[in-house]
PDB file of N, CA and C in Angstrom:
ATOM      1  N   MET A   1     -19.954  21.581 -36.491  1.00  0.00           N
ATOM      2  CA  MET A   1     -19.296  20.222 -35.916  1.00  0.00           C
ATOM      3  C   MET A   1     -20.404  19.245 -35.840  1.00  0.00           C
ATOM      4  N   PRO A   2     -19.833  18.048 -35.943  1.00  0.00           N
ATOM      5  CA  PRO A   2     -20.694  16.639 -36.037  1.00  0.00           C
ATOM      6  C   PRO A   2     -21.398  16.375 -34.637  1.00  0.00           C
ATOM      7  N   LEU A   3     -22.492  16.165 -34.724  1.00  0.00           N
ATOM      8  CA  LEU A   3     -23.102  15.206 -33.549  1.00  0.00           C
ATOM      9  C   LEU A   3     -22.350  14.698 -32.319  1.00  0.00           C
ATOM     10  N   SER A   4     -21.664  13.815 -33.232  1.00  0.00           N
ATOM     11  CA  SER A   4     -20.569  12.791 -32.341  1.00  0.00           C
ATOM     12  C   SER A   4     -19.888  13.567 -31.382  1.00  0.00           C
ATOM     13  N   HIS A   5     -19.368  14.807 -31.910  1.00  0.00           N
ATOM     14  CA  HIS A   5     -18.381  15.506 -30.915  1.00  0.00           C
ATOM     15  C   HIS A   5     -19.463  16.340 -29.760  1.00  0.00           C
ATOM     16  N   TYR A   6     -20.335  16.635 -29.921  1.00  0.00           N
ATOM     17  CA  TYR A   6     -21.315  17.288 -29.101  1.00  0.00           C
ATOM     18  C   TYR A   6     -21.572  16.228 -27.755  1.00  0.00           C
ATOM     19  N   LEU A   7     -22.128  14.690 -28.709  1.00  0.00           N
ATOM     20  CA  LEU A   7     -22.068  13.817 -27.756  1.00  0.00           C
ATOM     21  C   LEU A   7     -21.078  13.361 -26.637  1.00  0.00           C
ATOM     22  N   ALA A   8     -19.583  13.608 -27.209  1.00  0.00           N
ATOM     23  CA  ALA A   8     -18.272  13.208 -26.585  1.00  0.00           C
ATOM     24  C   ALA A   8     -18.363  14.301 -25.771  1.00  0.00           C
ATOM     25  N   ALA A   9     -18.621  15.414 -25.947  1.00  0.00           N
ATOM     26  CA  ALA A   9     -18.372  16.854 -24.745  1.00  0.00           C
ATOM     27  C   ALA A   9     -19.149  16.465 -24.067  1.00  0.00           C
ATOM     28  N   LEU A  10     -20.365  15.993 -24.100  1.00  0.00           N
ATOM     29  CA  LEU A  10     -21.629  15.760 -23.219  1.00  0.00           C
ATOM     30  C   LEU A  10     -21.255  14.658 -22.190  1.00  0.00           C
ATOM     31  N   LEU A  11     -20.738  13.616 -22.568  1.00  0.00           N
ATOM     32  CA  LEU A  11     -20.281  12.459 -21.834  1.00  0.00           C
ATOM     33  C   LEU A  11     -19.265  12.772 -20.971  1.00  0.00           C
ATOM     34  N   SER A  12     -18.271  13.674 -21.474  1.00  0.00           N
ATOM     35  CA  SER A  12     -16.893  13.632 -21.127  1.00  0.00           C
ATOM     36  C   SER A  12     -17.415  14.800 -19.527  1.00  0.00           C
ATOM     37  N   GLY A  13     -18.343  15.627 -20.127  1.00  0.00           N
ATOM     38  CA  GLY A  13     -18.783  16.676 -18.973  1.00  0.00           C
ATOM     39  C   GLY A  13     -19.612  15.938 -17.867  1.00  0.00           C
ATOM     40  N   ILE A  14     -20.197  14.828 -18.066  1.00  0.00           N
ATOM     41  CA  ILE A  14     -21.093  13.921 -16.989  1.00  0.00           C
ATOM     42  C   ILE A  14     -20.108  13.403 -16.417  1.00  0.00           C
ATOM     43  N   GLY A  15     -19.079  12.630 -16.944  1.00  0.00           N
ATOM     44  CA  GLY A  15     -17.919  12.256 -16.303  1.00  0.00           C
ATOM     45  C   GLY A  15     -17.178  12.808 -15.288  1.00  0.00           C
ATOM     46  N   ILE A  16     -16.900  13.922 -15.693  1.00  0.00           N
ATOM     47  CA  ILE A  16     -16.213  15.158 -14.580  1.00  0.00           C
ATOM     48  C   ILE A  16     -16.900  15.369 -13.891  1.00  0.00           C
ATOM     49  N   GLY A  17     -18.178  15.977 -14.320  1.00  0.00           N
ATOM     50  CA  GLY A  17     -19.276  15.972 -13.174  1.00  0.00           C
ATOM     51  C   GLY A  17     -19.205  15.081 -12.157  1.00  0.00           C
ATOM     52  N   PHE A  18     -19.576  13.498 -12.435  1.00  0.00           N
ATOM     53  CA  PHE A  18     -19.423  12.731 -11.355  1.00  0.00           C
ATOM     54  C   PHE A  18     -18.421  12.589 -10.708  1.00  0.00           C
ATOM     55  N   THR A  19     -17.115  12.682 -11.523  1.00  0.00           N
ATOM     56  CA  THR A  19     -16.209  12.315 -10.609  1.00  0.00           C
ATOM     57  C   THR A  19     -15.768  13.608  -9.204  1.00  0.00           C
ATOM     58  N   VAL A  20     -16.249  14.909  -9.639  1.00  0.00           N
ATOM     59  CA  VAL A  20     -16.263  15.885  -9.071  1.00  0.00           C
ATOM     60  C   VAL A  20     -17.007  15.729  -7.832  1.00  0.00           C
ATOM     61  N   ALA A  21     -18.099  15.477  -7.720  1.00  0.00           N
ATOM     62  CA  ALA A  21     -19.682  15.312  -7.148  1.00  0.00           C
ATOM     63  C   ALA A  21     -19.594  14.286  -6.377  1.00  0.00           C
ATOM     64  N   ALA A  22     -18.925  13.031  -6.561  1.00  0.00           N
ATOM     65  CA  ALA A  22     -18.492  12.154  -5.885  1.00  0.00           C
ATOM     66  C   ALA A  22     -17.779  12.383  -4.485  1.00  0.00           C
ATOM     67  N   PRO A  23     -18.872  12.014  -3.616  1.00  0.00           N
ATOM     68  CA  PRO A  23     -18.015  12.360  -2.011  1.00  0.00           C
ATOM     69  C   PRO A  23     -16.898  10.896  -1.588  1.00  0.00           C
ATOM     70  N   ILE A  24     -15.782  11.300  -1.358  1.00  0.00           N
ATOM     71  CA  ILE A  24     -14.699  10.324  -1.040  1.00  0.00           C
ATOM     72  C   ILE A  24     -14.758  10.493   0.242  1.00  0.00           C
ATOM     73  N   GLY A  25     -15.391   9.655   1.426  1.00  0.00           N
ATOM     74  CA  GLY A  25     -14.852   9.899   2.808  1.00  0.00           C
ATOM     75  C   GLY A  25     -14.292   8.853   3.390  1.00  0.00           C
ATOM     76  N   PRO A  26     -14.255   8.417   4.567  1.00  0.00           N
ATOM     77  CA  PRO A  26     -13.205   7.652   5.377  1.00  0.00           C
ATOM     78  C   PRO A  26     -13.359   6.514   4.542  1.00  0.00           C
ATOM     79  N   MET A  27     -14.515   5.994   4.357  1.00  0.00           N
ATOM     80  CA  MET A  27     -14.679   4.136   3.896  1.00  0.00           C
ATOM     81  C   MET A  27     -14.006   4.325   2.239  1.00  0.00           C
ATOM     82  N   GLY A  28     -14.473   5.638   1.552  1.00  0.00           N
ATOM     83  CA  GLY A  28     -14.013   5.411   0.138  1.00  0.00           C
ATOM     84  C   GLY A  28     -12.275   5.334   0.087  1.00  0.00           C
ATOM     85  N   MET A  29     -11.663   6.466   1.279  1.00  0.00           N
ATOM     86  CA  MET A  29     -10.147   6.274   1.391  1.00  0.00           C
ATOM     87  C   MET A  29      -9.786   5.094   1.612  1.00  0.00           C
ATOM     88  N   LEU A  30     -10.340   4.478   2.590  1.00  0.00           N
ATOM     89  CA  LEU A  30      -9.923   3.045   3.107  1.00  0.00           C
ATOM     90  C   LEU A  30     -10.276   1.886   2.068  1.00  0.00           C
ATOM     91  N   CYS A  31     -11.053   2.057   0.986  1.00  0.00           N
ATOM     92  CA  CYS A  31     -11.087   1.265   0.220  1.00  0.00           C
ATOM     93  C   CYS A  31     -10.066   1.827  -0.915  1.00  0.00           C
ATOM     94  N   ILE A  32      -9.508   2.832  -1.414  1.00  0.00           N
ATOM     95  CA  ILE A  32      -8.417   3.212  -2.488  1.00  0.00           C
ATOM     96  C   ILE A  32      -7.477   2.631  -1.833  1.00  0.00           C
ATOM     97  N   GLN A  33      -7.232   2.711  -0.481  1.00  0.00           N
ATOM     98  CA  GLN A  33      -5.741   2.558   0.161  1.00  0.00           C
ATOM     99  C   GLN A  33      -5.493   1.096   0.009  1.00  0.00           C
ATOM    100  N   ARG A  34      -6.721   0.153   0.519  1.00  0.00           N
ATOM    101  CA  ARG A  34      -6.220  -1.176   0.552  1.00  0.00           C
ATOM    102  C   ARG A  34      -6.099  -1.628  -0.873  1.00  0.00           C
ATOM    103  N   THR A  35      -6.971  -1.435  -2.052  1.00  0.00           N
ATOM    104  CA  THR A  35      -6.818  -1.685  -3.182  1.00  0.00           C
ATOM    105  C   THR A  35      -5.513  -1.266  -3.792  1.00  0.00           C
ATOM    106  N   LEU A  36      -4.721  -0.108  -3.474  1.00  0.00           N
ATOM    107  CA  LEU A  36      -3.579   0.338  -3.806  1.00  0.00           C
ATOM    108  C   LEU A  36      -2.450  -0.543  -3.293  1.00  0.00           C
ATOM    109  N   ALA A  37      -2.689  -0.995  -1.816  1.00  0.00           N
ATOM    110  CA  ALA A  37      -1.634  -1.900  -1.314  1.00  0.00           C
ATOM    111  C   ALA A  37      -1.644  -3.198  -1.496  1.00  0.00           C
ATOM    112  N   SER A  38      -2.788  -3.733  -1.565  1.00  0.00           N
ATOM    113  CA  SER A  38      -2.776  -5.316  -1.414  1.00  0.00           C
ATOM    114  C   SER A  38      -3.932  -5.811  -2.814  1.00  0.00           C
ATOM    115  N   GLY A  39      -4.200  -5.051  -3.592  1.00  0.00           N
ATOM    116  CA  GLY A  39      -4.824  -5.586  -4.956  1.00  0.00           C
ATOM    117  C   GLY A  39      -6.270  -5.088  -4.727  1.00  0.00           C
ATOM    118  N   MET A  40      -6.879  -5.486  -5.921  1.00  0.00           N
ATOM    119  CA  MET A  40      -8.411  -5.461  -6.346  1.00  0.00           C
ATOM    120  C   MET A  40      -8.952  -6.219  -5.565  1.00  0.00           C
ATOM    121  N   ALA A  41      -8.982  -7.440  -4.945  1.00  0.00           N
ATOM    122  CA  ALA A  41      -9.923  -8.165  -4.538  1.00  0.00           C
ATOM    123  C   ALA A  41      -9.952  -7.963  -2.911  1.00  0.00           C
ATOM    124  N   THR A  42      -8.791  -7.320  -2.393  1.00  0.00           N
ATOM    125  CA  THR A  42      -9.054  -6.822  -1.203  1.00  0.00           C
ATOM    126  C   THR A  42      -9.908  -5.548  -1.055  1.00  0.00           C
ATOM    127  N   GLY A  43      -9.503  -4.659  -1.969  1.00  0.00           N
ATOM    128  CA  GLY A  43     -10.269  -3.428  -2.154  1.00  0.00           C
ATOM    129  C   GLY A  43     -11.839  -3.901  -2.314  1.00  0.00           C
ATOM    130  N   LEU A  44     -12.034  -4.562  -3.033  1.00  0.00           N
ATOM    131  CA  LEU A  44     -13.752  -4.773  -3.417  1.00  0.00           C
ATOM    132  C   LEU A  44     -14.436  -5.526  -2.130  1.00  0.00           C
ATOM    133  N   ALA A  45     -13.542  -6.587  -1.113  1.00  0.00           N
ATOM    134  CA  ALA A  45     -13.870  -6.973  -0.286  1.00  0.00           C
ATOM    135  C   ALA A  45     -14.370  -5.845   1.029  1.00  0.00           C
ATOM    136  N   THR A  46     -13.450  -5.043   0.706  1.00  0.00           N
ATOM    137  CA  THR A  46     -13.444  -3.735   1.939  1.00  0.00           C
ATOM    138  C   THR A  46     -14.783  -3.000   1.619  1.00  0.00           C
ATOM    139  N   GLY A  47     -15.052  -2.465   0.105  1.00  0.00           N
ATOM    140  CA  GLY A  47     -16.180  -1.913  -0.280  1.00  0.00           C
ATOM    141  C   GLY A  47     -17.444  -2.876  -0.081  1.00  0.00           C
ATOM    142  N   PHE A  48     -17.151  -3.973  -0.088  1.00  0.00           N
ATOM    143  CA  PHE A  48     -18.591  -4.822   0.138  1.00  0.00           C
ATOM    144  C   PHE A  48     -18.800  -4.820   1.600  1.00  0.00           C
ATOM    145  N   GLY A  49     -18.142  -4.898   2.510  1.00  0.00           N
ATOM    146  CA  GLY A  49     -17.699  -4.956   3.556  1.00  0.00           C
ATOM    147  C   GLY A  49     -18.634  -3.486   4.156  1.00  0.00           C
ATOM    148  N   ALA A  50     -18.070  -2.318   3.701  1.00  0.00           N
ATOM    149  CA  ALA A  50     -18.606  -1.063   4.007  1.00  0.00           C
ATOM    150  C   ALA A  50     -20.132  -1.076   3.749  1.00  0.00           C
ATOM    151  N   ALA A  51     -20.617  -1.388   2.420  1.00  0.00           N
ATOM    152  CA  ALA A  51     -21.751  -1.539   1.872  1.00  0.00           C
ATOM    153  C   ALA A  51     -22.501  -2.272   2.909  1.00  0.00           C
ATOM    154  N   THR A  52     -21.994  -3.680   3.569  1.00  0.00           N
ATOM    155  CA  THR A  52     -22.991  -4.203   4.103  1.00  0.00           C
ATOM    156  C   THR A  52     -23.716  -3.612   5.538  1.00  0.00           C
ATOM    157  N   VAL A  53     -22.696  -2.740   6.209  1.00  0.00           N
ATOM    158  CA  VAL A  53     -22.054  -2.256   7.189  1.00  0.00           C
ATOM    159  C   VAL A  53     -23.667  -1.021   7.072  1.00  0.00           C
ATOM    160  N   HIS A  54     -23.678  -0.145   6.168  1.00  0.00           N
ATOM    161  CA  HIS A  54     -24.335   0.850   5.698  1.00  0.00           C
ATOM    162  C   HIS A  54     -26.067   0.410   5.425  1.00  0.00           C
ATOM    163  N   LEU A  55     -26.011  -1.122   4.593  1.00  0.00           N
ATOM    164  CA  LEU A  55     -27.290  -1.382   4.337  1.00  0.00           C
ATOM    165  C   LEU A  55     -27.904  -2.020   5.743  1.00  0.00           C
ATOM    166  N   THR A  56     -26.730  -2.414   6.676  1.00  0.00           N
ATOM    167  CA  THR A  56     -27.652  -2.765   8.267  1.00  0.00           C
ATOM    168  C   THR A  56     -28.251  -1.836   8.995  1.00  0.00           C
ATOM    169  N   TYR A  57     -27.218  -0.485   9.013  1.00  0.00           N
ATOM    170  CA  TYR A  57     -27.797   0.659   9.724  1.00  0.00           C
ATOM    171  C   TYR A  57     -28.847   1.417   9.013  1.00  0.00           C
ATOM    172  N   SER A  58     -28.848   1.389   7.661  1.00  0.00           N
ATOM    173  CA  SER A  58     -30.206   1.646   6.945  1.00  0.00           C
ATOM    174  C   SER A  58     -31.514   1.061   7.438  1.00  0.00           C
ATOM    175  N   ALA A  59     -31.173  -0.377   7.534  1.00  0.00           N
ATOM    176  CA  ALA A  59     -32.592  -1.244   7.671  1.00  0.00           C
ATOM    177  C   ALA A  59     -32.874  -0.977   9.118  1.00  0.00           C
ATOM    178  N   PHE A  60     -31.946  -1.116  10.139  1.00  0.00           N
ATOM    179  CA  PHE A  60     -31.997  -0.488  11.403  1.00  0.00           C
ATOM    180  C   PHE A  60     -33.359   0.773  11.595  1.00  0.00           C
ATOM    181  N   ALA A  61     -32.902   1.535  10.984  1.00  0.00           N
ATOM    182  CA  ALA A  61     -32.957   2.856  10.731  1.00  0.00           C
ATOM    183  C   ALA A  61     -34.703   2.980  10.623  1.00  0.00           C
ATOM    184  N   VAL A  62     -34.955   2.159   8.941  1.00  0.00           N
ATOM    185  CA  VAL A  62     -36.134   2.076   8.173  1.00  0.00           C
ATOM    186  C   VAL A  62     -36.932   1.157   9.100  1.00  0.00           C
ATOM    187  N   LEU A  63     -36.358   0.360  10.100  1.00  0.00           N
ATOM    188  CA  LEU A  63     -37.522  -0.828  10.422  1.00  0.00           C
ATOM    189  C   LEU A  63     -37.838  -0.029  12.445  1.00  0.00           C
ATOM    190  N   GLY A  64     -37.053   1.053  12.631  1.00  0.00           N
ATOM    191  CA  GLY A  64     -37.094   1.820  13.985  1.00  0.00           C
ATOM    192  C   GLY A  64     -36.609   0.790  14.720  1.00  0.00           C
ATOM    193  N   LEU A  65     -35.556  -0.053  14.594  1.00  0.00           N
ATOM    194  CA  LEU A  65     -35.178  -0.883  15.585  1.00  0.00           C
ATOM    195  C   LEU A  65     -34.386   0.020  16.806  1.00  0.00           C
ATOM    196  N   GLY A  66     -33.947   1.136  16.263  1.00  0.00           N
ATOM    197  CA  GLY A  66     -33.130   2.130  17.304  1.00  0.00           C
ATOM    198  C   GLY A  66     -33.743   2.084  18.671  1.00  0.00           C
ATOM    199  N   SER A  67     -35.203   2.606  18.328  1.00  0.00           N
ATOM    200  CA  SER A  67     -35.735   2.567  19.574  1.00  0.00           C
ATOM    201  C   SER A  67     -35.974   1.532  20.492  1.00  0.00           C
ATOM    202  N   LEU A  68     -35.730  -0.104  20.069  1.00  0.00           N
ATOM    203  CA  LEU A  68     -35.788  -1.087  20.893  1.00  0.00           C
ATOM    204  C   LEU A  68     -34.431  -1.493  21.271  1.00  0.00           C
ATOM    205  N   ALA A  69     -33.310  -0.844  20.825  1.00  0.00           N
ATOM    206  CA  ALA A  69     -32.354  -1.056  20.874  1.00  0.00           C
ATOM    207  C   ALA A  69     -31.537   0.058  22.136  1.00  0.00           C
ATOM    208  N   GLN A  70     -32.160   1.256  22.141  1.00  0.00           N
ATOM    209  CA  GLN A  70     -31.638   2.099  22.997  1.00  0.00           C
ATOM    210  C   GLN A  70     -31.647   1.553  24.208  1.00  0.00           C
ATOM    211  N   PRO A  71     -32.246   1.157  25.281  1.00  0.00           N
ATOM    212  CA  PRO A  71     -32.347   1.082  26.171  1.00  0.00           C
ATOM    213  C   PRO A  71     -31.049  -0.180  27.019  1.00  0.00           C
ATOM    214  N   TRP A  72     -30.666  -1.039  25.596  1.00  0.00           N
ATOM    215  CA  TRP A  72     -29.810  -1.957  25.830  1.00  0.00           C
ATOM    216  C   TRP A  72     -28.199  -1.525  25.751  1.00  0.00           C
ATOM    217  N   VAL A  73     -28.357  -0.425  25.063  1.00  0.00           N
ATOM    218  CA  VAL A  73     -27.191   0.626  24.714  1.00  0.00           C
ATOM    219  C   VAL A  73     -26.673   1.148  25.590  1.00  0.00           C
ATOM    220  N   GLU A  74     -27.853   1.875  26.394  1.00  0.00           N
ATOM    221  CA  GLU A  74     -27.555   2.766  27.646  1.00  0.00           C
ATOM    222  C   GLU A  74     -27.235   1.803  28.731  1.00  0.00           C
ATOM    223  N   ALA A  75     -27.866   0.656  29.004  1.00  0.00           N
ATOM    224  CA  ALA A  75     -27.635  -0.119  30.012  1.00  0.00           C
ATOM    225  C   ALA A  75     -25.762  -0.591  29.775  1.00  0.00           C
ATOM    226  N   ASN A  76     -25.485  -0.677  28.517  1.00  0.00           N
ATOM    227  CA  ASN A  76     -24.254  -1.337  28.460  1.00  0.00           C
ATOM    228  C   ASN A  76     -23.306  -0.042  27.862  1.00  0.00           C
ATOM    229  N   ALA A  77     -23.481   1.149  28.527  1.00  0.00           N
ATOM    230  CA  ALA A  77     -22.498   2.508  27.827  1.00  0.00           C
ATOM    231  C   ALA A  77     -21.062   2.521  28.144  1.00  0.00           C
ATOM    232  N   VAL A  78     -21.129   2.012  29.582  1.00  0.00           N
ATOM    233  CA  VAL A  78     -19.672   2.109  30.105  1.00  0.00           C
ATOM    234  C   VAL A  78     -18.922   0.825  29.344  1.00  0.00           C
ATOM    235  N   VAL A  79     -19.414  -0.150  28.899  1.00  0.00           N
ATOM    236  CA  VAL A  79     -18.697  -1.526  28.515  1.00  0.00           C
ATOM    237  C   VAL A  79     -18.210  -1.217  27.150  1.00  0.00           C
ATOM    238  N   PHE A  80     -19.191  -0.326  26.239  1.00  0.00           N
ATOM    239  CA  PHE A  80     -18.549   0.122  24.874  1.00  0.00           C
ATOM    240  C   PHE A  80     -17.784   1.222  25.115  1.00  0.00           C
ATOM    241  N   GLY A  81     -18.087   2.009  26.151  1.00  0.00           N
ATOM    242  CA  GLY A  81     -16.883   3.031  26.137  1.00  0.00           C
ATOM    243  C   GLY A  81     -15.330   2.464  26.545  1.00  0.00           C
ATOM    244  N   VAL A  82     -15.421   1.229  27.638  1.00  0.00           N
ATOM    245  CA  VAL A  82     -13.862   0.920  27.741  1.00  0.00           C
ATOM    246  C   VAL A  82     -13.377   0.054  26.781  1.00  0.00           C
ATOM    247  N   VAL A  83     -14.499  -0.693  25.843  1.00  0.00           N
ATOM    248  CA  VAL A  83     -13.922  -1.415  24.855  1.00  0.00           C
ATOM    249  C   VAL A  83     -13.621  -0.683  23.583  1.00  0.00           C
ATOM    250  N   SER A  84     -14.024   0.526  23.514  1.00  0.00           N
ATOM    251  CA  SER A  84     -13.653   1.383  22.579  1.00  0.00           C
ATOM    252  C   SER A  84     -12.539   2.116  22.683  1.00  0.00           C
ATOM    253  N   ALA A  85     -12.196   2.395  24.061  1.00  0.00           N
ATOM    254  CA  ALA A  85     -11.014   2.975  24.580  1.00  0.00           C
ATOM    255  C   ALA A  85      -9.672   2.146  24.123  1.00  0.00           C
ATOM    256  N   LEU A  86     -10.087   0.903  24.578  1.00  0.00           N
ATOM    257  CA  LEU A  86      -8.978  -0.324  24.162  1.00  0.00           C
ATOM    258  C   LEU A  86      -8.569  -0.375  22.850  1.00  0.00           C
ATOM    259  N   THR A  87      -9.704  -0.245  22.157  1.00  0.00           N
ATOM    260  CA  THR A  87      -9.436  -0.691  20.672  1.00  0.00           C
ATOM    261  C   THR A  87      -8.636   0.653  19.997  1.00  0.00           C
ATOM    262  N   LEU A  88      -8.895   1.933  20.399  1.00  0.00           N
ATOM    263  CA  LEU A  88      -7.940   2.589  19.938  1.00  0.00           C
ATOM    264  C   LEU A  88      -6.901   2.926  20.317  1.00  0.00           C
ATOM    265  N   LEU A  89      -6.837   2.676  21.678  1.00  0.00           N
ATOM    266  CA  LEU A  89      -4.983   2.570  22.263  1.00  0.00           C
ATOM    267  C   LEU A  89      -4.418   1.261  21.634  1.00  0.00           C
ATOM    268  N   TRP A  90      -4.923   0.331  21.096  1.00  0.00           N
ATOM    269  CA  TRP A  90      -4.545  -0.864  20.789  1.00  0.00           C
ATOM    270  C   TRP A  90      -3.920  -0.124  18.975  1.00  0.00           C
ATOM    271  N   PHE A  91      -4.917   0.156  18.657  1.00  0.00           N
ATOM    272  CA  PHE A  91      -4.506   0.824  17.082  1.00  0.00           C
ATOM    273  C   PHE A  91      -3.376   1.744  17.220  1.00  0.00           C
ATOM    274  N   ALA A  92      -3.265   2.738  18.269  1.00  0.00           N
ATOM    275  CA  ALA A  92      -2.380   3.626  18.372  1.00  0.00           C
ATOM    276  C   ALA A  92      -0.772   2.873  18.610  1.00  0.00           C
ATOM    277  N   LEU A  93      -0.778   2.011  19.543  1.00  0.00           N
ATOM    278  CA  LEU A  93       0.290   1.085  19.871  1.00  0.00           C
ATOM    279  C   LEU A  93       0.643   0.575  18.679  1.00  0.00           C
ATOM    280  N   ARG A  94      -0.027  -0.135  17.576  1.00  0.00           N
ATOM    281  CA  ARG A  94       0.184  -0.725  16.831  1.00  0.00           C
ATOM    282  C   ARG A  94       1.057   0.255  15.707  1.00  0.00           C
ATOM    283  N   LYS A  95       0.173   1.210  15.892  1.00  0.00           N
ATOM    284  CA  LYS A  95       0.996   2.554  14.726  1.00  0.00           C
ATOM    285  C   LYS A  95       2.252   2.992  15.193  1.00  0.00           C
ATOM    286  N   CYS A  96       2.443   3.101  16.422  1.00  0.00           N
ATOM    287  CA  CYS A  96       3.767   3.655  16.783  1.00  0.00           C
ATOM    288  C   CYS A  96       5.001   2.469  16.796  1.00  0.00           C
ATOM    289  N   ASP A  97       4.544   1.119  17.064  1.00  0.00           N
ATOM    290  CA  ASP A  97       5.126   0.045  16.619  1.00  0.00           C
ATOM    291  C   ASP A  97       5.649  -0.150  15.226  1.00  0.00           C
ATOM    292  N   ARG A  98       4.889   0.242  14.317  1.00  0.00           N
ATOM    293  CA  ARG A  98       5.155   0.252  12.621  1.00  0.00           C
ATOM    294  C   ARG A  98       5.848   1.489  12.473  1.00  0.00           C
ATOM    295  N   ALA A  99       5.813   2.658  12.954  1.00  0.00           N
ATOM    296  CA  ALA A  99       6.417   3.737  12.938  1.00  0.00           C
ATOM    297  C   ALA A  99       8.091   3.706  12.926  1.00  0.00           C
ATOM    298  N   ALA A 100       8.316   2.745  14.207  1.00  0.00           N
ATOM    299  CA  ALA A 100       9.422   2.520  14.596  1.00  0.00           C
ATOM    300  C   ALA A 100       9.950   1.214  14.303  1.00  0.00           C
ATOM    301  N   GLY A 101       9.696   0.752  13.119  1.00  0.00           N
ATOM    302  CA  GLY A 101      10.206  -0.275  12.133  1.00  0.00           C
ATOM    303  C   GLY A 101       9.822  -1.595  12.870  1.00  0.00           C
ATOM    304  N   ARG A 102       9.073  -1.884  14.013  1.00  0.00           N
ATOM    305  CA  ARG A 102       8.716  -3.138  14.410  1.00  0.00           C
ATOM    306  C   ARG A 102       7.378  -3.504  14.178  1.00  0.00           C
ATOM    307  N   TRP A 103       7.259  -4.589  13.617  1.00  0.00           N
ATOM    308  CA  TRP A 103       5.959  -5.304  13.269  1.00  0.00           C
ATOM    309  C   TRP A 103       5.204  -6.051  14.838  1.00  0.00           C
TER     310      TRP A 103
END
């Protein structure tokens, strides 16, 4: 068999390996869903937004800013809990409205 066949098999194996090994988490699924629903530009914008958030969290971790923010977060924990609960409730109500055919 010529060398090009071996090279093609190797590249195919690498491609399949990356496809299988790539973790598709919630953000990946969101990017895929938005790309299919609204097009490439929306999917890329979602991906760039997710990457920006991950970069920000990583920068905080590397710089050790978590220890500086912890007292502020603990002091406002009740406010964060209420805002989070209201946000989840809002999402649930929107989902119920969409399921019932109301927008």
